[in-house]
Amino acid sequence: MIRCIEFFDIREIADKYVTFLFGRISRCINEVRALAMDHLVLFLQDCHVSQITANIIKRIGTEFQSSPTSLNRVRFLEIYKKLTDVFSRNFLRNHKLNDLAIKLASDKTSIVKKKFLEIAFNLRIMLSDEEDGILLVQLREVLNRLCNDKTKDIAKV
């Protein structure tokens, strides 16, 4: 990946490569999907053009977090988890990724709420007491509501 970026202008490859990765994330089996997510995160790490990074993050929100299909919303949370492993609080805050993740806690489908509970610890770590007070309150309220959820899948978590 790094070699590719060294030899080509990142603007030339960003759109085609990211489109390819999004396709693999949306439509492939779990192993391929996980690798595509890993490569998307690596690409974001190596991409030092803020406009390209912002466009990719916006596209992640549009195609996955705001998707009408629950599986794509789960995929957003999986991507979010991978992003929390390598990016800073400020990166996630500046790109509003924490806000997008918290919105999925109120999803209608239990599979999305279950995945949210699985990544809730990562989300909490990414929130600062001083700068993210409103989101922390929202997170507490959402977790309290989910703890009282009687849905079979949610109760197991």
C-alpha atoms as a PDB file:
ATOM      1  CA  MET A   1       0.000   0.000   0.000  1.00  0.00           C
ATOM      2  CA  ILE A   2       2.690   2.502   0.982  1.00  0.00           C
ATOM      3  CA  ARG A   3       4.658   1.770  -2.207  1.00  0.00           C
ATOM      4  CA  CYS A   4       1.570   2.494  -4.285  1.00  0.00           C
ATOM      5  CA  ILE A   5       1.109   5.874  -2.632  1.00  0.00           C
ATOM      6  CA  GLU A   6       4.795   6.709  -3.144  1.00  0.00           C
ATOM      7  CA  PHE A   7       4.618   6.159  -6.908  1.00  0.00           C
ATOM      8  CA  PHE A   8       1.236   7.656  -7.725  1.00  0.00           C
ATOM      9  CA  ASP A   9      -0.526  10.834  -6.856  1.00  0.00           C
ATOM     10  CA  ILE A  10      -3.013   9.918  -4.147  1.00  0.00           C
ATOM     11  CA  ARG A  11      -5.716  11.941  -5.865  1.00  0.00           C
ATOM     12  CA  GLU A  12      -5.439   9.661  -8.895  1.00  0.00           C
ATOM     13  CA  ILE A  13      -6.009   6.447  -6.980  1.00  0.00           C
ATOM     14  CA  ALA A  14      -8.221   7.523  -4.078  1.00  0.00           C
ATOM     15  CA  ASP A  15     -11.574   7.412  -5.818  1.00  0.00           C
ATOM     16  CA  LYS A  16     -11.073   4.118  -7.641  1.00  0.00           C
ATOM     17  CA  TYR A  17      -9.418   2.348  -4.709  1.00  0.00           C
ATOM     18  CA  VAL A  18     -11.948   3.532  -2.145  1.00  0.00           C
ATOM     19  CA  THR A  19     -14.835   2.604  -4.458  1.00  0.00           C
ATOM     20  CA  PHE A  20     -13.306  -0.853  -4.830  1.00  0.00           C
ATOM     21  CA  LEU A  21     -12.971  -1.219  -1.044  1.00  0.00           C
ATOM     22  CA  PHE A  22     -16.523  -0.012  -0.398  1.00  0.00           C
ATOM     23  CA  GLY A  23     -17.791  -2.608  -2.841  1.00  0.00           C
ATOM     24  CA  ARG A  24     -15.932  -5.342  -0.989  1.00  0.00           C
ATOM     25  CA  ILE A  25     -17.214  -4.109   2.362  1.00  0.00           C
ATOM     26  CA  SER A  26     -20.809  -4.051   1.114  1.00  0.00           C
ATOM     27  CA  ARG A  27     -20.983  -7.277  -0.819  1.00  0.00           C
ATOM     28  CA  CYS A  28     -18.303  -9.793   0.141  1.00  0.00           C
ATOM     29  CA  ILE A  29     -17.941 -12.588   2.661  1.00  0.00           C
ATOM     30  CA  ASN A  30     -16.732 -11.783   6.177  1.00  0.00           C
ATOM     31  CA  GLU A  31     -13.031 -12.481   5.606  1.00  0.00           C
ATOM     32  CA  VAL A  32     -12.881 -10.292   2.509  1.00  0.00           C
ATOM     33  CA  ARG A  33     -15.007  -7.615   4.165  1.00  0.00           C
ATOM     34  CA  ALA A  34     -12.682  -7.492   7.186  1.00  0.00           C
ATOM     35  CA  LEU A  35      -9.620  -7.173   4.940  1.00  0.00           C
ATOM     36  CA  ALA A  36     -11.297  -4.398   2.926  1.00  0.00           C
ATOM     37  CA  MET A  37     -12.074  -2.532   6.163  1.00  0.00           C
ATOM     38  CA  ASP A  38      -8.459  -2.934   7.287  1.00  0.00           C
ATOM     39  CA  HIS A  39      -7.211  -1.565   3.962  1.00  0.00           C
ATOM     40  CA  LEU A  40      -9.641   1.342   4.118  1.00  0.00           C
ATOM     41  CA  VAL A  41      -8.275   2.290   7.543  1.00  0.00           C
ATOM     42  CA  LEU A  42      -4.688   1.896   6.289  1.00  0.00           C
ATOM     43  CA  PHE A  43      -5.487   4.104   3.324  1.00  0.00           C
ATOM     44  CA  LEU A  44      -6.924   6.761   5.632  1.00  0.00           C
ATOM     45  CA  GLN A  45      -3.776   6.578   7.765  1.00  0.00           C
ATOM     46  CA  ASP A  46      -1.512   7.023   4.749  1.00  0.00           C
ATOM     47  CA  CYS A  47      -3.652   9.698   3.128  1.00  0.00           C
ATOM     48  CA  HIS A  48      -2.331  13.059   4.164  1.00  0.00           C
ATOM     49  CA  VAL A  49      -4.691  15.102   2.012  1.00  0.00           C
ATOM     50  CA  SER A  50      -7.383  16.398   4.333  1.00  0.00           C
ATOM     51  CA  GLN A  51      -9.982  16.905   1.591  1.00  0.00           C
ATOM     52  CA  ILE A  52      -9.674  13.275   0.456  1.00  0.00           C
ATOM     53  CA  THR A  53      -9.879  12.041   4.052  1.00  0.00           C
ATOM     54  CA  ALA A  54     -12.956  14.176   4.713  1.00  0.00           C
ATOM     55  CA  ASN A  55     -14.638  12.870   1.546  1.00  0.00           C
ATOM     56  CA  ILE A  56     -13.950   9.250   2.499  1.00  0.00           C
ATOM     57  CA  ILE A  57     -15.291   9.761   6.028  1.00  0.00           C
ATOM     58  CA  LYS A  58     -18.386  11.484   4.643  1.00  0.00           C
ATOM     59  CA  ARG A  59     -18.882   8.584   2.257  1.00  0.00           C
ATOM     60  CA  ILE A  60     -18.554   6.071   5.118  1.00  0.00           C
ATOM     61  CA  GLY A  61     -21.358   7.914   6.897  1.00  0.00           C
ATOM     62  CA  THR A  62     -23.536   8.118   3.816  1.00  0.00           C
ATOM     63  CA  GLU A  63     -23.106   4.577   2.521  1.00  0.00           C
ATOM     64  CA  PHE A  64     -22.959   2.718   5.816  1.00  0.00           C
ATOM     65  CA  GLN A  65     -24.260   4.678   8.810  1.00  0.00           C
ATOM     66  CA  SER A  66     -27.216   6.174   6.937  1.00  0.00           C
ATOM     67  CA  SER A  67     -27.919   3.053   4.904  1.00  0.00           C
ATOM     68  CA  PRO A  68     -31.447   1.652   4.779  1.00  0.00           C
ATOM     69  CA  THR A  69     -30.039  -1.853   5.329  1.00  0.00           C
ATOM     70  CA  SER A  70     -29.211  -2.918   8.863  1.00  0.00           C
ATOM     71  CA  LEU A  71     -26.171  -4.924   7.713  1.00  0.00           C
ATOM     72  CA  ASN A  72     -24.543  -1.788   6.326  1.00  0.00           C
ATOM     73  CA  ARG A  73     -25.225   0.035   9.591  1.00  0.00           C
ATOM     74  CA  VAL A  74     -23.503  -2.844  11.413  1.00  0.00           C
ATOM     75  CA  ARG A  75     -20.604  -2.473   8.983  1.00  0.00           C
ATOM     76  CA  PHE A  76     -20.370   1.209   9.914  1.00  0.00           C
ATOM     77  CA  LEU A  77     -19.908   0.218  13.551  1.00  0.00           C
ATOM     78  CA  GLU A  78     -17.263  -2.322  12.553  1.00  0.00           C
ATOM     79  CA  ILE A  79     -15.392   0.352  10.592  1.00  0.00           C
ATOM     80  CA  TYR A  80     -15.799   2.747  13.525  1.00  0.00           C
ATOM     81  CA  LYS A  81     -14.187   0.201  15.862  1.00  0.00           C
ATOM     82  CA  LYS A  82     -11.222  -0.176  13.521  1.00  0.00           C
ATOM     83  CA  LEU A  83     -10.882   3.611  13.309  1.00  0.00           C
ATOM     84  CA  THR A  84     -10.843   3.880  17.119  1.00  0.00           C
ATOM     85  CA  ASP A  85      -7.903   1.483  17.182  1.00  0.00           C
ATOM     86  CA  VAL A  86      -5.664   3.780  15.126  1.00  0.00           C
ATOM     87  CA  PHE A  87      -6.992   7.339  15.144  1.00  0.00           C
ATOM     88  CA  SER A  88      -7.105   9.933  17.895  1.00  0.00           C
ATOM     89  CA  ARG A  89     -10.051  11.357  19.777  1.00  0.00           C
ATOM     90  CA  ASN A  90      -9.623  14.600  17.887  1.00  0.00           C
ATOM     91  CA  PHE A  91      -9.790  12.880  14.497  1.00  0.00           C
ATOM     92  CA  LEU A  92     -13.020  11.098  15.403  1.00  0.00           C
ATOM     93  CA  ARG A  93     -14.487  14.250  16.973  1.00  0.00           C
ATOM     94  CA  ASN A  94     -13.544  16.480  14.031  1.00  0.00           C
ATOM     95  CA  HIS A  95     -15.162  14.112  11.551  1.00  0.00           C
ATOM     96  CA  LYS A  96     -18.280  13.631  13.754  1.00  0.00           C
ATOM     97  CA  LEU A  97     -17.804   9.850  13.824  1.00  0.00           C
ATOM     98  CA  ASN A  98     -18.687   9.580  17.522  1.00  0.00           C
ATOM     99  CA  ASP A  99     -21.992  11.353  16.841  1.00  0.00           C
ATOM    100  CA  LEU A 100     -22.777   8.970  13.994  1.00  0.00           C
ATOM    101  CA  ALA A 101     -21.999   5.937  16.158  1.00  0.00           C
ATOM    102  CA  ILE A 102     -24.210   7.077  19.036  1.00  0.00           C
ATOM    103  CA  LYS A 103     -27.147   7.617  16.660  1.00  0.00           C
ATOM    104  CA  LEU A 104     -27.098   3.909  15.831  1.00  0.00           C
ATOM    105  CA  ALA A 105     -27.820   2.983  19.460  1.00  0.00           C
ATOM    106  CA  SER A 106     -31.425   3.984  18.799  1.00  0.00           C
ATOM    107  CA  ASP A 107     -31.697   1.816  15.700  1.00  0.00           C
ATOM    108  CA  LYS A 108     -34.870  -0.229  15.266  1.00  0.00           C
ATOM    109  CA  THR A 109     -33.072  -3.502  14.580  1.00  0.00           C
ATOM    110  CA  SER A 110     -31.587  -5.598  17.345  1.00  0.00           C
ATOM    111  CA  ILE A 111     -28.523  -6.586  15.284  1.00  0.00           C
ATOM    112  CA  VAL A 112     -27.421  -2.935  15.081  1.00  0.00           C
ATOM    113  CA  LYS A 113     -28.097  -2.309  18.787  1.00  0.00           C
ATOM    114  CA  LYS A 114     -26.166  -5.474  19.664  1.00  0.00           C
ATOM    115  CA  LYS A 115     -23.166  -4.333  17.604  1.00  0.00           C
ATOM    116  CA  PHE A 116     -23.406  -0.902  19.222  1.00  0.00           C
ATOM    117  CA  LEU A 117     -23.139  -2.507  22.661  1.00  0.00           C
ATOM    118  CA  GLU A 118     -20.060  -4.407  21.475  1.00  0.00           C
ATOM    119  CA  ILE A 119     -18.294  -1.173  20.494  1.00  0.00           C
ATOM    120  CA  ALA A 120     -19.649   1.026  23.326  1.00  0.00           C
ATOM    121  CA  PHE A 121     -16.412   0.700  25.314  1.00  0.00           C
ATOM    122  CA  ASN A 122     -14.383   1.956  22.344  1.00  0.00           C
ATOM    123  CA  LEU A 123     -16.801   4.846  21.955  1.00  0.00           C
ATOM    124  CA  ARG A 124     -16.494   5.790  25.629  1.00  0.00           C
ATOM    125  CA  ILE A 125     -12.692   5.831  25.360  1.00  0.00           C
ATOM    126  CA  MET A 126     -12.936   8.225  22.413  1.00  0.00           C
ATOM    127  CA  LEU A 127     -15.012  10.723  24.382  1.00  0.00           C
ATOM    128  CA  SER A 128     -13.353  13.369  26.507  1.00  0.00           C
ATOM    129  CA  ASP A 129     -15.043  14.496  29.714  1.00  0.00           C
ATOM    130  CA  GLU A 130     -14.309  18.140  28.939  1.00  0.00           C
ATOM    131  CA  GLU A 131     -15.046  18.357  25.227  1.00  0.00           C
ATOM    132  CA  ASP A 132     -17.719  15.705  24.745  1.00  0.00           C
ATOM    133  CA  GLY A 133     -19.990  16.262  27.722  1.00  0.00           C
ATOM    134  CA  ILE A 134     -23.206  16.180  25.691  1.00  0.00           C
ATOM    135  CA  LEU A 135     -22.200  12.964  23.934  1.00  0.00           C
ATOM    136  CA  LEU A 136     -21.269  11.383  27.269  1.00  0.00           C
ATOM    137  CA  VAL A 137     -24.720  12.162  28.633  1.00  0.00           C
ATOM    138  CA  GLN A 138     -26.290  10.727  25.474  1.00  0.00           C
ATOM    139  CA  LEU A 139     -24.129   7.609  25.789  1.00  0.00           C
ATOM    140  CA  ARG A 140     -25.193   7.074  29.415  1.00  0.00           C
ATOM    141  CA  GLU A 141     -28.860   7.496  28.517  1.00  0.00           C
ATOM    142  CA  VAL A 142     -28.571   5.113  25.569  1.00  0.00           C
ATOM    143  CA  LEU A 143     -26.764   2.484  27.626  1.00  0.00           C
ATOM    144  CA  ASN A 144     -29.388   2.728  30.378  1.00  0.00           C
ATOM    145  CA  ARG A 145     -32.147   2.309  27.805  1.00  0.00           C
ATOM    146  CA  LEU A 146     -30.394  -0.673  26.216  1.00  0.00           C
ATOM    147  CA  CYS A 147     -29.850  -2.285  29.631  1.00  0.00           C
ATOM    148  CA  ASN A 148     -33.626  -2.262  30.082  1.00  0.00           C
ATOM    149  CA  ASP A 149     -34.268  -3.594  26.580  1.00  0.00           C
ATOM    150  CA  LYS A 150     -36.221  -6.837  26.736  1.00  0.00           C
ATOM    151  CA  THR A 151     -35.162  -8.009  23.279  1.00  0.00           C
ATOM    152  CA  LYS A 152     -33.619 -11.459  23.524  1.00  0.00           C
ATOM    153  CA  ASP A 153     -30.414 -10.587  21.601  1.00  0.00           C
ATOM    154  CA  ILE A 154     -29.839  -7.364  23.518  1.00  0.00           C
ATOM    155  CA  ALA A 155     -30.452  -8.962  26.905  1.00  0.00           C
ATOM    156  CA  LYS A 156     -27.685 -11.511  26.210  1.00  0.00           C
ATOM    157  CA  VAL A 157     -25.112  -8.766  25.681  1.00  0.00           C
END
